[in-house]
Amino acid sequence: MTANPFNICPTCAHIHTCVLTEMKEKVWSCSEYDEAQPEHKTIEKPKPEHQLELA
């Protein structure tokens, strides 16, 4: 079976919870489609162990 280049399910935010169809490899349009957002990893600044007090 060849992959459908127009299949939208792999980029949908609801792919793991969708119950509209089991044939996700054939979907090219969907009223419930929301594009999945890539996970952004934020880098937190290390917190200082001791607070310095200015005089």
N, C-alpha and C. Protein backbone atom coordinates (compact mmCIF):
# COMPACT_ATOMS: atom_id res chain seq x y z
N MET A 1 0.85 -1.18 0.00
CA MET A 1 0.00 0.00 0.00
C MET A 1 0.89 1.24 0.00
N THR A 2 0.61 2.19 -0.86
CA THR A 2 1.40 3.42 -0.91
C THR A 2 0.80 4.46 0.01
N ALA A 3 1.65 5.32 0.54
CA ALA A 3 1.19 6.36 1.46
C ALA A 3 0.51 7.48 0.68
N ASN A 4 -0.54 8.01 1.25
CA ASN A 4 -1.25 9.13 0.64
C ASN A 4 -0.55 10.42 1.05
N PRO A 5 -0.01 11.20 0.11
CA PRO A 5 0.71 12.41 0.48
C PRO A 5 -0.22 13.50 1.01
N PHE A 6 -1.52 13.34 0.88
CA PHE A 6 -2.46 14.34 1.33
C PHE A 6 -3.15 13.95 2.64
N ASN A 7 -2.69 12.92 3.28
CA ASN A 7 -3.27 12.46 4.53
C ASN A 7 -3.01 13.49 5.64
N ILE A 8 -4.08 13.99 6.27
CA ILE A 8 -3.92 15.02 7.30
C ILE A 8 -3.86 14.47 8.71
N CYS A 9 -4.22 13.23 8.92
CA CYS A 9 -4.27 12.69 10.28
C CYS A 9 -2.94 12.73 11.04
N PRO A 10 -1.81 12.44 10.42
CA PRO A 10 -0.56 12.45 11.19
C PRO A 10 -0.21 13.81 11.79
N THR A 11 -0.75 14.89 11.24
CA THR A 11 -0.44 16.22 11.77
C THR A 11 -1.57 16.78 12.61
N CYS A 12 -2.56 15.98 12.93
CA CYS A 12 -3.72 16.44 13.69
C CYS A 12 -3.48 16.29 15.20
N ALA A 13 -3.92 17.29 15.96
CA ALA A 13 -3.76 17.25 17.41
C ALA A 13 -4.62 16.16 18.05
N HIS A 14 -5.63 15.68 17.36
CA HIS A 14 -6.56 14.71 17.93
C HIS A 14 -6.34 13.29 17.44
N ILE A 15 -5.22 13.01 16.81
CA ILE A 15 -5.00 11.68 16.20
C ILE A 15 -5.14 10.54 17.20
N HIS A 16 -4.74 10.74 18.44
CA HIS A 16 -4.78 9.64 19.41
C HIS A 16 -6.14 9.47 20.07
N THR A 17 -7.03 10.45 19.92
CA THR A 17 -8.34 10.35 20.55
C THR A 17 -9.48 10.38 19.53
N CYS A 18 -9.17 10.49 18.27
CA CYS A 18 -10.18 10.60 17.21
C CYS A 18 -10.97 9.30 17.06
N VAL A 19 -12.30 9.46 16.99
CA VAL A 19 -13.17 8.30 16.80
C VAL A 19 -14.00 8.44 15.51
N LEU A 20 -13.65 9.40 14.67
CA LEU A 20 -14.44 9.64 13.46
C LEU A 20 -14.25 8.54 12.42
N THR A 21 -13.06 7.97 12.35
CA THR A 21 -12.81 6.89 11.40
C THR A 21 -11.63 6.05 11.85
N GLU A 22 -11.62 4.81 11.44
CA GLU A 22 -10.47 3.94 11.69
C GLU A 22 -9.51 3.97 10.51
N MET A 23 -9.96 4.50 9.36
CA MET A 23 -9.14 4.54 8.16
C MET A 23 -8.41 5.89 8.06
N LYS A 24 -7.57 6.17 9.04
CA LYS A 24 -6.90 7.45 9.11
C LYS A 24 -5.91 7.68 7.96
N GLU A 25 -5.50 6.63 7.29
CA GLU A 25 -4.56 6.79 6.17
C GLU A 25 -5.25 7.33 4.92
N LYS A 26 -6.57 7.45 4.93
CA LYS A 26 -7.31 7.90 3.75
C LYS A 26 -8.00 9.25 3.94
N VAL A 27 -7.75 9.93 5.05
CA VAL A 27 -8.45 11.18 5.36
C VAL A 27 -7.71 12.36 4.73
N TRP A 28 -8.40 13.14 3.93
CA TRP A 28 -7.79 14.34 3.34
C TRP A 28 -8.53 15.61 3.74
N SER A 29 -9.66 15.48 4.44
CA SER A 29 -10.41 16.62 4.92
C SER A 29 -11.18 16.20 6.17
N CYS A 30 -11.24 17.11 7.16
CA CYS A 30 -11.94 16.78 8.40
C CYS A 30 -12.38 18.07 9.09
N SER A 31 -13.62 18.11 9.52
CA SER A 31 -14.15 19.31 10.17
C SER A 31 -13.59 19.48 11.59
N GLU A 32 -13.03 18.43 12.15
CA GLU A 32 -12.49 18.49 13.51
C GLU A 32 -10.98 18.66 13.54
N TYR A 33 -10.36 18.88 12.38
CA TYR A 33 -8.90 18.96 12.28
C TYR A 33 -8.35 20.19 12.98
N ASP A 34 -7.36 19.97 13.84
CA ASP A 34 -6.58 21.03 14.47
C ASP A 34 -5.12 20.62 14.32
N GLU A 35 -4.32 21.50 13.75
CA GLU A 35 -2.92 21.16 13.54
C GLU A 35 -2.20 21.03 14.87
N ALA A 36 -1.47 19.95 15.04
CA ALA A 36 -0.72 19.72 16.27
C ALA A 36 0.41 20.73 16.36
N GLN A 37 0.62 21.25 17.55
CA GLN A 37 1.70 22.19 17.79
C GLN A 37 2.93 21.43 18.26
N PRO A 38 4.09 21.76 17.71
CA PRO A 38 5.30 21.07 18.17
C PRO A 38 5.58 21.41 19.62
N GLU A 39 6.15 20.47 20.33
CA GLU A 39 6.47 20.70 21.73
C GLU A 39 7.70 21.59 21.81
N HIS A 40 7.56 22.68 22.54
CA HIS A 40 8.68 23.60 22.73
C HIS A 40 9.27 23.33 24.10
N LYS A 41 10.55 23.06 24.10
CA LYS A 41 11.22 22.86 25.37
C LYS A 41 11.82 24.19 25.80
N THR A 42 11.42 24.64 26.96
CA THR A 42 11.96 25.89 27.46
C THR A 42 13.14 25.59 28.37
N ILE A 43 14.13 26.41 28.24
CA ILE A 43 15.32 26.24 29.07
C ILE A 43 15.17 27.18 30.25
N GLU A 44 15.09 26.60 31.42
CA GLU A 44 14.95 27.40 32.62
C GLU A 44 16.32 27.85 33.10
N LYS A 45 16.39 29.10 33.53
CA LYS A 45 17.64 29.61 34.09
C LYS A 45 17.82 29.01 35.48
N PRO A 46 19.03 28.62 35.79
CA PRO A 46 19.24 28.06 37.13
C PRO A 46 19.00 29.14 38.19
N LYS A 47 18.35 28.73 39.26
CA LYS A 47 18.06 29.67 40.34
C LYS A 47 19.27 29.71 41.27
N PRO A 48 19.63 30.91 41.68
CA PRO A 48 20.78 31.00 42.60
C PRO A 48 20.44 30.34 43.93
N GLU A 49 21.44 29.69 44.51
CA GLU A 49 21.22 29.01 45.77
C GLU A 49 21.07 30.01 46.92
N HIS A 50 21.78 31.12 46.84
CA HIS A 50 21.74 32.12 47.91
C HIS A 50 21.38 33.46 47.29
N GLN A 51 20.51 34.17 47.93
CA GLN A 51 20.16 35.52 47.51
C GLN A 51 21.13 36.50 48.19
N LEU A 52 21.69 37.38 47.39
CA LEU A 52 22.58 38.41 47.94
C LEU A 52 21.76 39.65 48.22
N GLU A 53 22.03 40.26 49.35
CA GLU A 53 21.30 41.45 49.73
C GLU A 53 22.20 42.66 49.56
N LEU A 54 21.71 43.65 48.81
CA LEU A 54 22.51 44.85 48.61
C LEU A 54 22.32 45.80 49.78
N ALA A 55 23.43 46.43 50.24
CA ALA A 55 23.35 47.35 51.39
C ALA A 55 23.34 48.78 50.91
